[in-house]
Amino acid sequence: SETNDGAFDWAVPSADGDGYLVRVRVTDAFGNRGEATMGGTFVIDSRPPAVAIDGPLSWRSPEGELFLRGRDEGLSGIDHVEVWTTTDGGTTWAGPVAAPWGGGKVRCTLPEGKRGLYACAVDRAGNSGAAPKPGTPPQALIGVDAGAPRLSVSGIADGDLFLAGQPIAIAWEVEDDGLAEAPVRIEVRREPAPPVVI
């Protein structure tokens, strides 16, 4: 019995498609034919997926979920997402942090502070959306703040006496990286009654 071993590097076409099948046929010197099929059908995918960050725009912990819109016009589906961060508006980028695609959500860890985000997706065939280059603007801005605001108050000391009907100056100083609009609420209460919000 004679043998013939070989290999062939097939140039995958650039057009997408599914249902491809590889069949190898052989003919001997007497005209007898044989054939074998490799595996099953397969997909050719040349198009990278696209994703965009929808939010949220603030986290109270360094670990959280980002909500994304994504689509893969190719045929293989999104495998994972890479999240890039910037602290200078996109002049420079750090990352990526890779996270499995969760059908519109990815769970990842980000450092505290305010930063810009950019996400790109990689499909199961290996096509990747373009990573941000220096100068690329962020897709979204996020603030990560796990610490409570620092607060100091002054104006009233234990045992002070005040004339009824006269104003009392209550002063405060708050420091935080992510203060809300109108962040301070003052409550006055007569113990043990519930507080009166002013």
C-alpha atoms as a PDB file:
ATOM      1  CA  SER A   1       0.000   0.000   0.000  1.00  0.00           C
ATOM      2  CA  GLU A   2       1.292   3.433  -0.904  1.00  0.00           C
ATOM      3  CA  THR A   3       0.776   6.575   1.180  1.00  0.00           C
ATOM      4  CA  ASN A   4       0.530  10.227   0.291  1.00  0.00           C
ATOM      5  CA  ASP A   5       0.628  12.729   3.166  1.00  0.00           C
ATOM      6  CA  GLY A   6       0.254  16.427   2.689  1.00  0.00           C
ATOM      7  CA  ALA A   7      -1.098  19.715   3.915  1.00  0.00           C
ATOM      8  CA  PHE A   8      -2.594  22.719   2.210  1.00  0.00           C
ATOM      9  CA  ASP A   9      -2.847  26.264   3.535  1.00  0.00           C
ATOM     10  CA  TRP A  10      -6.192  27.573   2.375  1.00  0.00           C
ATOM     11  CA  ALA A  11      -6.466  31.346   2.063  1.00  0.00           C
ATOM     12  CA  VAL A  12      -9.695  32.169   3.896  1.00  0.00           C
ATOM     13  CA  PRO A  13     -11.828  34.482   1.741  1.00  0.00           C
ATOM     14  CA  SER A  14     -12.508  37.985   3.033  1.00  0.00           C
ATOM     15  CA  ALA A  15     -16.273  37.696   2.491  1.00  0.00           C
ATOM     16  CA  ASP A  16     -18.342  36.613   5.475  1.00  0.00           C
ATOM     17  CA  GLY A  17     -20.414  33.490   5.261  1.00  0.00           C
ATOM     18  CA  ASP A  18     -21.616  30.438   7.066  1.00  0.00           C
ATOM     19  CA  GLY A  19     -22.205  26.844   6.040  1.00  0.00           C
ATOM     20  CA  TYR A  20     -18.682  26.288   4.717  1.00  0.00           C
ATOM     21  CA  LEU A  21     -17.629  22.638   4.549  1.00  0.00           C
ATOM     22  CA  VAL A  22     -14.219  21.148   3.705  1.00  0.00           C
ATOM     23  CA  ARG A  23     -14.281  17.945   1.703  1.00  0.00           C
ATOM     24  CA  VAL A  24     -11.115  16.194   0.509  1.00  0.00           C
ATOM     25  CA  ARG A  25     -11.357  13.864  -2.511  1.00  0.00           C
ATOM     26  CA  VAL A  26      -8.798  11.397  -3.834  1.00  0.00           C
ATOM     27  CA  THR A  27      -8.578   9.387  -7.049  1.00  0.00           C
ATOM     28  CA  ASP A  28      -6.191   6.475  -7.558  1.00  0.00           C
ATOM     29  CA  ALA A  29      -4.485   5.345 -10.788  1.00  0.00           C
ATOM     30  CA  PHE A  30      -7.405   2.998 -11.541  1.00  0.00           C
ATOM     31  CA  GLY A  31     -10.071   5.727 -11.321  1.00  0.00           C
ATOM     32  CA  ASN A  32     -11.381   4.723  -7.896  1.00  0.00           C
ATOM     33  CA  ARG A  33     -12.511   7.665  -5.818  1.00  0.00           C
ATOM     34  CA  GLY A  34     -12.683   8.335  -2.096  1.00  0.00           C
ATOM     35  CA  GLU A  35     -13.613  11.358  -0.019  1.00  0.00           C
ATOM     36  CA  ALA A  36     -13.625  12.560   3.553  1.00  0.00           C
ATOM     37  CA  THR A  37     -15.297  15.538   5.180  1.00  0.00           C
ATOM     38  CA  MET A  38     -13.572  17.513   7.923  1.00  0.00           C
ATOM     39  CA  GLY A  39     -15.684  18.132  11.019  1.00  0.00           C
ATOM     40  CA  GLY A  40     -18.872  20.024  10.203  1.00  0.00           C
ATOM     41  CA  THR A  41     -19.748  23.340   8.681  1.00  0.00           C
ATOM     42  CA  PHE A  42     -17.947  26.482   9.791  1.00  0.00           C
ATOM     43  CA  VAL A  43     -18.282  30.266   9.667  1.00  0.00           C
ATOM     44  CA  ILE A  44     -16.043  32.946   8.180  1.00  0.00           C
ATOM     45  CA  ASP A  45     -16.348  36.270   9.992  1.00  0.00           C
ATOM     46  CA  SER A  46     -14.331  39.337   8.994  1.00  0.00           C
ATOM     47  CA  ARG A  47     -16.329  42.093  10.706  1.00  0.00           C
ATOM     48  CA  PRO A  48     -15.443  43.343  14.197  1.00  0.00           C
ATOM     49  CA  PRO A  49     -18.226  43.893  16.714  1.00  0.00           C
ATOM     50  CA  ALA A  50     -19.124  47.373  17.935  1.00  0.00           C
ATOM     51  CA  VAL A  51     -20.037  48.435  21.492  1.00  0.00           C
ATOM     52  CA  ALA A  52     -20.799  51.714  23.241  1.00  0.00           C
ATOM     53  CA  ILE A  53     -21.071  52.462  26.957  1.00  0.00           C
ATOM     54  CA  ASP A  54     -24.527  53.494  28.202  1.00  0.00           C
ATOM     55  CA  GLY A  55     -23.717  53.908  31.911  1.00  0.00           C
ATOM     56  CA  PRO A  56     -23.877  54.156  34.836  1.00  0.00           C
ATOM     57  CA  LEU A  57     -21.905  57.354  35.277  1.00  0.00           C
ATOM     58  CA  SER A  58     -21.030  56.812  38.933  1.00  0.00           C
ATOM     59  CA  TRP A  59     -20.100  53.876  41.175  1.00  0.00           C
ATOM     60  CA  ARG A  60     -19.903  53.734  44.963  1.00  0.00           C
ATOM     61  CA  SER A  61     -17.430  50.864  44.791  1.00  0.00           C
ATOM     62  CA  PRO A  62     -14.392  50.183  42.568  1.00  0.00           C
ATOM     63  CA  GLU A  63     -16.145  47.040  41.293  1.00  0.00           C
ATOM     64  CA  GLY A  64     -19.352  47.376  39.328  1.00  0.00           C
ATOM     65  CA  GLU A  65     -21.266  46.771  36.124  1.00  0.00           C
ATOM     66  CA  LEU A  66     -21.140  48.811  32.948  1.00  0.00           C
ATOM     67  CA  PHE A  67     -24.158  48.744  30.659  1.00  0.00           C
ATOM     68  CA  LEU A  68     -23.323  48.530  26.974  1.00  0.00           C
ATOM     69  CA  ARG A  69     -25.029  48.561  23.616  1.00  0.00           C
ATOM     70  CA  GLY A  70     -23.364  46.103  21.288  1.00  0.00           C
ATOM     71  CA  ARG A  71     -23.785  44.378  17.979  1.00  0.00           C
ATOM     72  CA  ASP A  72     -21.788  41.973  15.880  1.00  0.00           C
ATOM     73  CA  GLU A  73     -22.676  42.225  12.223  1.00  0.00           C
ATOM     74  CA  GLY A  74     -20.412  39.281  11.601  1.00  0.00           C
ATOM     75  CA  LEU A  75     -21.620  35.772  12.316  1.00  0.00           C
ATOM     76  CA  SER A  76     -19.660  34.719  15.388  1.00  0.00           C
ATOM     77  CA  GLY A  77     -21.074  36.837  18.253  1.00  0.00           C
ATOM     78  CA  ILE A  78     -19.331  38.937  20.909  1.00  0.00           C
ATOM     79  CA  ASP A  79     -16.922  37.049  23.183  1.00  0.00           C
ATOM     80  CA  HIS A  80     -15.589  39.734  25.529  1.00  0.00           C
ATOM     81  CA  VAL A  81     -15.191  43.464  25.997  1.00  0.00           C
ATOM     82  CA  GLU A  82     -12.023  45.457  26.657  1.00  0.00           C
ATOM     83  CA  VAL A  83     -12.434  48.610  28.761  1.00  0.00           C
ATOM     84  CA  TRP A  84      -9.833  51.393  28.503  1.00  0.00           C
ATOM     85  CA  THR A  85      -9.516  54.341  30.916  1.00  0.00           C
ATOM     86  CA  THR A  86      -8.171  57.879  30.663  1.00  0.00           C
ATOM     87  CA  THR A  87      -7.688  60.618  33.247  1.00  0.00           C
ATOM     88  CA  ASP A  88      -6.726  63.331  30.744  1.00  0.00           C
ATOM     89  CA  GLY A  89      -9.671  63.405  28.336  1.00  0.00           C
ATOM     90  CA  GLY A  90      -8.196  60.836  25.942  1.00  0.00           C
ATOM     91  CA  THR A  91      -4.686  62.195  25.473  1.00  0.00           C
ATOM     92  CA  THR A  92      -3.408  58.923  26.941  1.00  0.00           C
ATOM     93  CA  TRP A  93      -5.176  55.610  27.595  1.00  0.00           C
ATOM     94  CA  ALA A  94      -4.529  52.850  30.143  1.00  0.00           C
ATOM     95  CA  GLY A  95      -5.691  49.266  29.923  1.00  0.00           C
ATOM     96  CA  PRO A  96      -7.411  47.371  28.732  1.00  0.00           C
ATOM     97  CA  VAL A  97      -9.345  45.537  31.415  1.00  0.00           C
ATOM     98  CA  ALA A  98     -10.976  42.512  29.752  1.00  0.00           C
ATOM     99  CA  ALA A  99     -14.398  41.341  30.894  1.00  0.00           C
ATOM    100  CA  PRO A 100     -16.670  38.594  29.551  1.00  0.00           C
ATOM    101  CA  TRP A 101     -19.609  39.795  27.460  1.00  0.00           C
ATOM    102  CA  GLY A 102     -22.743  39.487  29.522  1.00  0.00           C
ATOM    103  CA  GLY A 103     -25.361  40.344  26.921  1.00  0.00           C
ATOM    104  CA  GLY A 104     -25.192  44.094  27.480  1.00  0.00           C
ATOM    105  CA  LYS A 105     -23.461  44.120  30.883  1.00  0.00           C
ATOM    106  CA  VAL A 106     -19.841  43.664  31.848  1.00  0.00           C
ATOM    107  CA  ARG A 107     -18.495  43.449  35.378  1.00  0.00           C
ATOM    108  CA  CYS A 108     -15.102  45.045  35.964  1.00  0.00           C
ATOM    109  CA  THR A 109     -12.954  46.877  38.504  1.00  0.00           C
ATOM    110  CA  LEU A 110     -11.903  50.500  38.055  1.00  0.00           C
ATOM    111  CA  PRO A 111      -9.668  52.697  40.222  1.00  0.00           C
ATOM    112  CA  GLU A 112     -11.252  55.477  42.278  1.00  0.00           C
ATOM    113  CA  GLY A 113     -11.574  58.943  40.812  1.00  0.00           C
ATOM    114  CA  LYS A 114     -13.031  60.552  37.716  1.00  0.00           C
ATOM    115  CA  ARG A 115     -12.037  59.100  34.384  1.00  0.00           C
ATOM    116  CA  GLY A 116     -13.106  58.601  30.803  1.00  0.00           C
ATOM    117  CA  LEU A 117     -13.996  55.170  29.477  1.00  0.00           C
ATOM    118  CA  TYR A 118     -13.789  53.537  26.073  1.00  0.00           C
ATOM    119  CA  ALA A 119     -14.963  50.010  25.287  1.00  0.00           C
ATOM    120  CA  CYS A 120     -14.204  47.797  22.326  1.00  0.00           C
ATOM    121  CA  ALA A 121     -15.434  44.262  21.773  1.00  0.00           C
ATOM    122  CA  VAL A 122     -13.776  41.094  20.513  1.00  0.00           C
ATOM    123  CA  ASP A 123     -15.884  38.438  18.798  1.00  0.00           C
ATOM    124  CA  ARG A 124     -15.487  34.669  19.037  1.00  0.00           C
ATOM    125  CA  ALA A 125     -13.611  34.598  15.712  1.00  0.00           C
ATOM    126  CA  GLY A 126     -11.011  37.053  17.064  1.00  0.00           C
ATOM    127  CA  ASN A 127     -12.112  40.239  15.261  1.00  0.00           C
ATOM    128  CA  SER A 128     -11.596  43.239  17.517  1.00  0.00           C
ATOM    129  CA  GLY A 129     -13.072  46.708  17.512  1.00  0.00           C
ATOM    130  CA  ALA A 130     -10.519  49.503  17.315  1.00  0.00           C
ATOM    131  CA  ALA A 131      -8.823  50.369  20.611  1.00  0.00           C
ATOM    132  CA  PRO A 132      -8.616  54.074  21.438  1.00  0.00           C
ATOM    133  CA  LYS A 133      -5.583  55.946  20.158  1.00  0.00           C
ATOM    134  CA  PRO A 134      -4.044  59.012  21.828  1.00  0.00           C
ATOM    135  CA  GLY A 135      -6.505  61.830  21.220  1.00  0.00           C
ATOM    136  CA  THR A 136      -9.593  59.599  20.945  1.00  0.00           C
ATOM    137  CA  PRO A 137     -12.345  61.126  23.097  1.00  0.00           C
ATOM    138  CA  PRO A 138     -13.931  58.905  25.778  1.00  0.00           C
ATOM    139  CA  GLN A 139     -17.262  57.225  25.057  1.00  0.00           C
ATOM    140  CA  ALA A 140     -18.383  57.974  28.626  1.00  0.00           C
ATOM    141  CA  LEU A 141     -17.210  59.658  31.829  1.00  0.00           C
ATOM    142  CA  ILE A 142     -17.488  57.896  35.186  1.00  0.00           C
ATOM    143  CA  GLY A 143     -16.735  58.753  38.791  1.00  0.00           C
ATOM    144  CA  VAL A 144     -15.739  55.982  41.196  1.00  0.00           C
ATOM    145  CA  ASP A 145     -16.036  57.088  44.822  1.00  0.00           C
ATOM    146  CA  ALA A 146     -16.145  54.507  47.610  1.00  0.00           C
ATOM    147  CA  GLY A 147     -15.430  56.917  50.471  1.00  0.00           C
ATOM    148  CA  ALA A 148     -17.863  59.027  52.475  1.00  0.00           C
ATOM    149  CA  PRO A 149     -17.565  62.818  52.176  1.00  0.00           C
ATOM    150  CA  ARG A 150     -15.390  64.494  54.817  1.00  0.00           C
ATOM    151  CA  LEU A 151     -17.508  66.917  56.861  1.00  0.00           C
ATOM    152  CA  SER A 152     -16.796  69.411  59.618  1.00  0.00           C
ATOM    153  CA  VAL A 153     -19.393  71.704  61.236  1.00  0.00           C
ATOM    154  CA  SER A 154     -19.229  74.743  63.496  1.00  0.00           C
ATOM    155  CA  GLY A 155     -21.492  77.376  65.005  1.00  0.00           C
ATOM    156  CA  ILE A 156     -23.061  75.594  67.979  1.00  0.00           C
ATOM    157  CA  ALA A 157     -21.307  74.110  70.999  1.00  0.00           C
ATOM    158  CA  ASP A 158     -22.810  71.896  73.681  1.00  0.00           C
ATOM    159  CA  GLY A 159     -24.579  74.065  76.268  1.00  0.00           C
ATOM    160  CA  ASP A 160     -24.784  77.265  74.131  1.00  0.00           C
ATOM    161  CA  LEU A 161     -27.706  79.618  74.862  1.00  0.00           C
ATOM    162  CA  PHE A 162     -29.607  81.392  72.090  1.00  0.00           C
ATOM    163  CA  LEU A 163     -32.346  84.021  72.072  1.00  0.00           C
ATOM    164  CA  ALA A 164     -35.581  82.671  70.573  1.00  0.00           C
ATOM    165  CA  GLY A 165     -36.414  84.020  67.121  1.00  0.00           C
ATOM    166  CA  GLN A 166     -32.827  85.021  66.281  1.00  0.00           C
ATOM    167  CA  PRO A 167     -30.806  83.331  63.512  1.00  0.00           C
ATOM    168  CA  ILE A 168     -28.011  80.924  64.410  1.00  0.00           C
ATOM    169  CA  ALA A 169     -25.060  80.685  62.020  1.00  0.00           C
ATOM    170  CA  ILE A 170     -24.385  77.041  61.225  1.00  0.00           C
ATOM    171  CA  ALA A 171     -21.261  76.559  59.122  1.00  0.00           C
ATOM    172  CA  TRP A 172     -19.920  73.451  57.407  1.00  0.00           C
ATOM    173  CA  GLU A 173     -17.080  72.370  55.216  1.00  0.00           C
ATOM    174  CA  VAL A 174     -17.400  69.313  52.990  1.00  0.00           C
ATOM    175  CA  GLU A 175     -14.697  67.687  50.892  1.00  0.00           C
ATOM    176  CA  ASP A 176     -15.256  64.848  48.414  1.00  0.00           C
ATOM    177  CA  ASP A 177     -14.334  63.931  44.846  1.00  0.00           C
ATOM    178  CA  GLY A 178     -17.943  63.487  43.757  1.00  0.00           C
ATOM    179  CA  LEU A 179     -20.266  65.893  45.544  1.00  0.00           C
ATOM    180  CA  ALA A 180     -23.894  65.884  44.443  1.00  0.00           C
ATOM    181  CA  GLU A 181     -25.751  69.080  43.624  1.00  0.00           C
ATOM    182  CA  ALA A 182     -26.918  70.639  46.934  1.00  0.00           C
ATOM    183  CA  PRO A 183     -25.164  67.896  48.945  1.00  0.00           C
ATOM    184  CA  VAL A 184     -25.754  69.243  52.469  1.00  0.00           C
ATOM    185  CA  ARG A 185     -28.966  68.727  54.456  1.00  0.00           C
ATOM    186  CA  ILE A 186     -29.338  70.280  57.908  1.00  0.00           C
ATOM    187  CA  GLU A 187     -31.562  68.674  60.526  1.00  0.00           C
ATOM    188  CA  VAL A 188     -32.575  70.217  63.858  1.00  0.00           C
ATOM    189  CA  ARG A 189     -34.310  68.077  66.458  1.00  0.00           C
ATOM    190  CA  ARG A 190     -35.345  68.214  70.061  1.00  0.00           C
ATOM    191  CA  GLU A 191     -34.270  64.925  71.572  1.00  0.00           C
ATOM    192  CA  PRO A 192     -35.891  62.405  71.418  1.00  0.00           C
ATOM    193  CA  ALA A 193     -38.331  63.824  68.847  1.00  0.00           C
ATOM    194  CA  PRO A 194     -37.779  63.145  65.103  1.00  0.00           C
ATOM    195  CA  PRO A 195     -35.574  65.714  63.345  1.00  0.00           C
ATOM    196  CA  VAL A 196     -36.922  68.813  61.643  1.00  0.00           C
ATOM    197  CA  VAL A 197     -35.304  69.306  58.232  1.00  0.00           C
ATOM    198  CA  ILE A 198     -34.489  72.934  57.440  1.00  0.00           C
END
